[in-house]
Each structure stands twice: as C-alpha cells, then as structure tokens.
Protein backbone atom coordinates (compact mmCIF):
# COMPACT_ATOMS: atom_id res chain seq x y z
CA MET A 1 13.97 21.68 22.36
CA ASN A 2 11.61 20.86 25.20
CA PRO A 3 12.60 17.48 26.76
CA VAL A 4 9.11 16.07 26.23
CA LEU A 5 9.03 17.14 22.59
CA SER A 6 12.55 15.80 22.14
CA TYR A 7 11.48 12.43 23.56
CA LEU A 8 8.39 12.31 21.33
CA HIS A 9 10.42 13.27 18.26
CA ASN A 10 12.96 10.54 18.98
CA PHE A 11 10.24 7.96 19.60
CA PHE A 12 8.12 8.70 16.54
CA PHE A 13 10.97 8.97 14.03
CA ASN A 14 13.67 6.66 15.42
CA VAL A 15 11.73 3.92 17.26
CA TYR A 16 8.15 3.95 15.97
CA PRO A 17 9.15 3.04 12.38
CA TYR A 18 10.58 -0.29 13.54
CA ILE A 19 7.53 -1.04 15.71
CA CYS A 20 5.27 -0.43 12.72
CA LEU A 21 7.41 -2.52 10.36
CA ALA A 22 7.60 -5.41 12.83
CA VAL A 23 3.82 -5.44 13.37
CA PHE A 24 3.25 -5.02 9.63
CA LEU A 25 5.34 -8.06 8.70
CA MET A 26 4.71 -10.39 11.65
CA GLY A 27 1.04 -9.44 11.92
CA SER A 28 0.45 -10.14 8.23
CA LEU A 29 2.17 -13.50 8.53
CA ALA A 30 0.19 -14.42 11.65
CA ARG A 31 -3.12 -13.47 10.06
CA PHE A 32 -2.34 -15.47 6.93
CA ASP A 33 -1.44 -18.47 9.10
CA ARG A 34 -4.41 -18.28 11.48
CA ASP A 35 -7.25 -16.50 9.66
CA GLN A 36 -6.95 -17.17 5.95
CA TYR A 37 -10.72 -16.88 5.45
CA THR A 38 -10.52 -13.21 6.46
CA TRP A 39 -7.77 -12.54 3.89
CA LYS A 40 -10.02 -10.71 1.45
CA SER A 41 -11.24 -7.26 0.51
CA ASP A 42 -14.89 -7.91 1.48
CA SER A 43 -16.24 -6.50 -1.76
CA SER A 44 -19.73 -5.01 -1.60
CA GLN A 45 -20.23 -4.97 -5.36
CA MET A 46 -23.11 -7.45 -5.24
CA LEU A 47 -25.08 -5.22 -2.86
CA ARG A 48 -24.91 -2.10 -5.00
CA THR A 49 -22.58 -1.11 -7.82
CA GLY A 50 -23.40 2.59 -8.12
CA THR A 51 -20.24 4.68 -7.73
CA LEU A 52 -18.11 1.64 -6.87
CA ARG A 53 -16.67 1.26 -10.36
CA TRP A 54 -15.49 4.86 -10.63
CA GLY A 55 -14.45 5.15 -7.01
CA SER A 56 -12.53 1.88 -6.92
CA ASN A 57 -10.71 2.44 -10.22
CA LEU A 58 -9.71 6.02 -9.43
CA PHE A 59 -8.63 5.11 -5.92
CA HIS A 60 -6.50 2.14 -6.96
CA ILE A 61 -4.86 3.97 -9.87
CA GLY A 62 -3.97 6.91 -7.64
CA ILE A 63 -2.85 4.93 -4.61
CA LEU A 64 -0.60 2.61 -6.59
CA PHE A 65 1.13 5.55 -8.25
CA LEU A 66 1.57 7.28 -4.90
CA PHE A 67 2.85 4.16 -3.15
CA PHE A 68 5.52 3.35 -5.73
CA GLY A 69 6.31 7.04 -6.18
CA HIS A 70 7.00 7.41 -2.46
CA LEU A 71 8.92 4.13 -2.41
CA VAL A 72 11.22 5.06 -5.29
CA GLY A 73 11.50 8.72 -4.36
CA LEU A 74 12.45 8.13 -0.73
CA LEU A 75 14.68 5.09 -1.10
CA THR A 76 16.64 6.07 -4.22
CA PRO A 77 20.02 7.55 -3.18
CA HIS A 78 20.81 11.03 -4.47
CA TRP A 79 24.03 9.85 -6.14
CA PHE A 80 22.04 7.41 -8.27
CA TYR A 81 20.12 10.07 -10.20
CA GLU A 82 22.15 13.27 -9.80
CA GLY A 83 24.01 12.55 -13.05
CA PHE A 84 20.92 12.95 -15.25
CA ILE A 85 18.42 14.95 -13.18
CA SER A 86 18.89 17.57 -10.48
CA ALA A 87 17.27 17.31 -7.08
CA SER A 88 15.13 20.38 -7.73
CA ALA A 89 13.90 18.99 -11.07
CA LYS A 90 13.11 15.68 -9.40
CA GLN A 91 11.14 17.49 -6.72
CA ARG A 92 9.12 19.46 -9.29
CA PHE A 93 8.33 16.23 -11.12
CA ALA A 94 7.25 14.66 -7.82
CA VAL A 95 5.03 17.64 -6.99
CA TYR A 96 3.27 17.68 -10.37
CA SER A 97 2.88 13.93 -10.83
CA GLY A 98 2.17 13.25 -7.17
CA GLY A 99 -0.33 16.08 -7.06
CA ALA A 100 -2.19 14.74 -10.09
CA ALA A 101 -2.22 11.19 -8.70
CA GLY A 102 -3.25 12.53 -5.29
CA LEU A 103 -6.25 14.33 -6.76
CA VAL A 104 -7.29 11.22 -8.69
CA CYS A 105 -6.97 9.13 -5.53
CA PHE A 106 -8.81 11.77 -3.48
CA VAL A 107 -11.82 11.72 -5.82
CA GLY A 108 -11.94 7.91 -5.82
CA LEU A 109 -11.48 7.57 -2.07
CA THR A 110 -14.14 10.22 -1.37
CA LEU A 111 -16.62 8.32 -3.55
CA LEU A 112 -15.84 5.06 -1.72
CA LEU A 113 -16.07 6.69 1.70
CA HIS A 114 -19.36 8.42 0.88
CA ARG A 115 -20.78 5.14 -0.42
CA ARG A 116 -19.60 3.24 2.65
CA ILE A 117 -21.08 5.75 5.13
CA PHE A 118 -24.26 7.04 3.48
CA ASP A 119 -25.55 4.00 1.61
CA PRO A 120 -27.77 2.17 4.16
CA ARG A 121 -27.21 -1.30 2.68
CA ILE A 122 -23.43 -0.89 2.51
CA ARG A 123 -23.29 0.68 5.97
CA LEU A 124 -25.13 -2.26 7.57
CA THR A 125 -22.70 -4.80 6.08
CA SER A 126 -19.55 -2.78 6.84
CA HIS A 127 -17.25 -3.48 9.75
CA ARG A 128 -16.09 -0.60 11.90
CA THR A 129 -12.54 -1.20 10.73
CA ASP A 130 -13.66 -0.78 7.10
CA ILE A 131 -14.90 2.75 7.73
CA ALA A 132 -12.02 3.57 10.10
CA ILE A 133 -9.30 2.61 7.62
CA LEU A 134 -10.99 4.56 4.82
CA LEU A 135 -11.18 7.62 7.08
CA ILE A 136 -7.52 7.29 8.04
CA LEU A 137 -6.50 6.94 4.39
CA TRP A 138 -8.63 9.98 3.50
CA VAL A 139 -7.03 12.12 6.22
CA GLN A 140 -3.57 10.92 5.21
CA LEU A 141 -4.28 11.82 1.59
CA VAL A 142 -5.49 15.29 2.54
CA ILE A 143 -2.35 15.92 4.61
CA GLY A 144 -0.24 14.71 1.70
CA LEU A 145 -1.96 17.23 -0.59
CA ILE A 146 -1.33 19.95 2.00
CA THR A 147 2.42 19.28 1.77
CA LEU A 148 2.47 20.12 -1.95
CA PRO A 149 2.55 23.94 -1.53
CA PHE A 150 5.36 23.58 1.01
CA SER A 151 7.33 21.40 -1.41
CA TYR A 152 6.73 23.77 -4.30
CA ARG A 153 7.88 26.74 -2.22
CA HIS A 154 11.23 25.10 -1.36
CA THR A 155 12.67 24.88 -4.86
CA ASP A 156 16.10 23.79 -3.60
CA ALA A 157 14.65 20.35 -2.72
CA HIS A 158 16.21 20.57 0.73
CA GLY A 159 13.16 19.04 2.39
CA MET A 160 12.97 16.18 -0.09
CA LEU A 161 16.62 15.30 0.53
CA ILE A 162 16.05 15.36 4.31
CA LEU A 163 13.10 12.99 4.01
CA ALA A 164 15.02 10.66 1.69
CA ASP A 165 18.02 10.61 4.03
CA TRP A 166 15.79 9.77 7.01
CA ALA A 167 13.99 6.94 5.13
CA GLN A 168 17.24 5.44 3.84
CA ARG A 169 18.72 5.52 7.33
CA ILE A 170 15.66 3.70 8.68
CA VAL A 171 15.89 0.83 6.16
CA THR A 172 19.64 0.50 6.72
CA PHE A 173 19.22 0.48 10.53
CA ARG A 174 21.05 3.77 11.06
CA PRO A 175 18.18 5.92 12.41
CA ASN A 176 18.80 9.64 12.76
CA ALA A 177 15.82 12.02 12.77
CA ASP A 178 17.67 15.24 13.61
CA GLY A 179 17.22 16.58 10.11
CA LEU A 180 13.44 16.29 10.35
CA LEU A 181 13.40 19.13 12.88
CA ALA A 182 13.84 21.56 9.98
CA LEU A 183 10.66 20.41 8.22
CA ASP A 184 7.18 21.92 8.43
CA TRP A 185 4.50 20.22 10.51
CA PRO A 186 2.51 18.66 7.61
CA TYR A 187 5.51 16.52 6.65
CA LEU A 188 5.91 15.20 10.19
CA LEU A 189 2.21 14.47 10.61
CA HIS A 190 2.17 12.80 7.19
CA LEU A 191 5.06 10.54 8.23
CA ILE A 192 3.49 9.55 11.57
CA LEU A 193 0.09 8.76 10.06
CA GLY A 194 1.72 6.89 7.18
CA MET A 195 3.63 4.66 9.60
CA THR A 196 0.43 4.14 11.61
CA ILE A 197 -1.29 2.79 8.49
CA PHE A 198 1.43 0.13 8.27
CA LEU A 199 0.80 -0.62 11.95
CA LEU A 200 -2.93 -1.14 11.33
CA PHE A 201 -2.42 -2.98 8.05
CA PRO A 202 -2.58 -6.59 9.36
CA PHE A 203 -5.79 -5.90 11.31
CA SER A 204 -7.78 -4.43 8.44
CA ARG A 205 -8.99 -5.31 4.97
CA LEU A 206 -5.76 -3.86 3.59
CA VAL A 207 -4.12 -7.28 3.93
CA HIS A 208 -5.61 -8.20 0.54
CA VAL A 209 -2.91 -5.95 -0.95
CA TRP A 210 -0.46 -8.82 -0.37
CA SER A 211 -2.57 -11.01 -2.67
CA GLY A 212 -2.47 -8.32 -5.34
CA PHE A 213 1.32 -8.27 -5.33
CA ALA A 214 1.41 -12.09 -5.22
CA THR A 215 -0.42 -12.26 -8.56
CA ILE A 216 2.68 -10.80 -10.20
CA ALA A 217 4.54 -14.02 -9.37
CA PHE A 218 1.69 -15.95 -11.02
CA LEU A 219 2.59 -14.33 -14.35
CA PHE A 220 6.10 -15.79 -14.19
CA ARG A 221 5.16 -19.30 -13.04
CA PRO A 222 6.56 -22.23 -15.05
CA HIS A 223 4.29 -23.81 -17.62
CA GLN A 224 2.17 -26.66 -16.37
CA VAL A 225 2.85 -29.84 -18.30
CA VAL A 226 -0.17 -32.11 -18.72
CA ARG A 227 0.38 -35.59 -20.14
CA SER A 228 -2.21 -38.20 -21.01
CA ARG A 229 -2.07 -41.33 -18.90
CA ARG A 230 -1.12 -44.42 -20.86
CA LEU A 231 -1.76 -47.97 -19.71
CA ASN A 232 0.65 -50.68 -20.79
CA VAL A 233 -1.65 -53.55 -21.73
CA PRO A 234 -0.01 -56.81 -22.87
CA ALA A 235 -0.86 -57.98 -26.38
CA GLY A 236 -3.97 -60.17 -26.52
CA HIS A 237 -5.45 -58.76 -23.30
CA ASN A 238 -8.48 -56.53 -23.25
CA LEU A 239 -9.25 -53.93 -20.60
CA PRO A 240 -12.14 -54.88 -18.31
CA ARG A 241 -15.42 -53.15 -19.18
CA PRO A 242 -17.24 -51.22 -16.50
CA PRO A 243 -20.44 -52.81 -15.19
CA GLY A 244 -23.42 -52.26 -17.49
CA ALA A 245 -21.30 -51.37 -20.51
CA SER A 246 -22.60 -52.69 -23.83
CA VAL A 247 -20.53 -55.15 -25.77
C-alpha cells in the first residue's frame, strides 16, 4: 500500500476512534458542567408543527433501532451466538431489519431536514450546527443504505465478522485495522463518518440524547416517602393562632 494511504488508514481506524471517544465523553461532561442551559434539543414545535410529528417519530424510531442494532451486532462476540444462529443468517437478519429501519429513518430525517431548510420561520431560528448535524446524519444514513447491497452480496458474512472484530478490538484497547483493507469503500467511509458524529456530539444538539437515556434510570428510582409533619404539643397548651384568625 502507498505509504500515505497506509498512514491515513492507520490513523483513521487505529487512532481516530480513541480521539472521538475521548472528545465524546469529556466534551459531554464539560458541556453539562459549564453550559447546562444549552443541554436541550431546541424544539421548534411551537413555531410550526406541520411535518414535525411524522418526521420526528419516524426518525427516532429508526435511529434508535439502528443505534442499538449496530451496538449489539458489532460488540457481540461470534462465539456468543454461533451456537444458535450462523453468521450468514445473522447478517441476513441485519440486512433486512437494518434496511427497513434505515428506510424509516431516512424518510423521517428527510422530512426534518426539508422542514429545517425550506420553512422560513424554522430556518431563521435554526443554528448553523442544527442544519449541519442533520446533513451529516442524512449523508451517513445514505452511505449506510449503500452498504446493504454489498452486505447482501457477501453471503458468507466475512465483512460483518471483520467489522465486528475491529470494533471489539477498539473497545478492548487492542486496535488492529488490517482486516478492514479487504472491505469495500462504503464501509470505510461509513465508519469514518460515524466516528466523526461522535466527535461532534458534545458541540451539537445531540447532547440531549444523554437526557433520553437518563430517563431510564428515573423508572427504577426508589419510591419517595412523604410523611405528614406532627407537632408534639403538651396537654393543656393550644397552638398560637396566626394574626387575624377568628376565634
């Protein structure tokens, strides 16, 4: 491989993941500590509802399925599931379910992006980062959909196993991206842009995702015990009446 390409490959797939994760975690913590009033999604529902309900619901349903699907699919070791499902069957399930969720998310995100750009009232109240992050998510989603034919063509699930091995090595601090050289370009571009979204996460409206996950802990909080306050008044003594109270 060309030395420059070899350097870029090593940087983007062995070093860049840790840069993105560090900024993602430390940046989110710093923003929560310093700018809590910006820790929100900046909803524009009061300005105009329109396509917001459909776009938001479809986008969130699709993106949550894709996020947890990628998380489980990449970080679950092969030995854990090989006893009850083959790698090729798992890949076909990922292609069909991920493709359906991707299309749902694509429709929702396109509605939100169109509303954000072409509605004059929404456009005037939108920050540049709002439109930029929606555009990046839209491009990332399109690239993800482009990878589906490549995945479907490789029925031996070789590419899926390579991606899972790379991701598991990253989270266990044993980076090795040599296997990624065998993958097609959409996979590599999808990985780089996906890591970049984590890099931009603390500086955009995406930080409100943390609050969404935090609400899960609210469901398991201990019950709040409320007791009435009792005053021990000695026998024969009356409590003082407030001024103006009738006898």
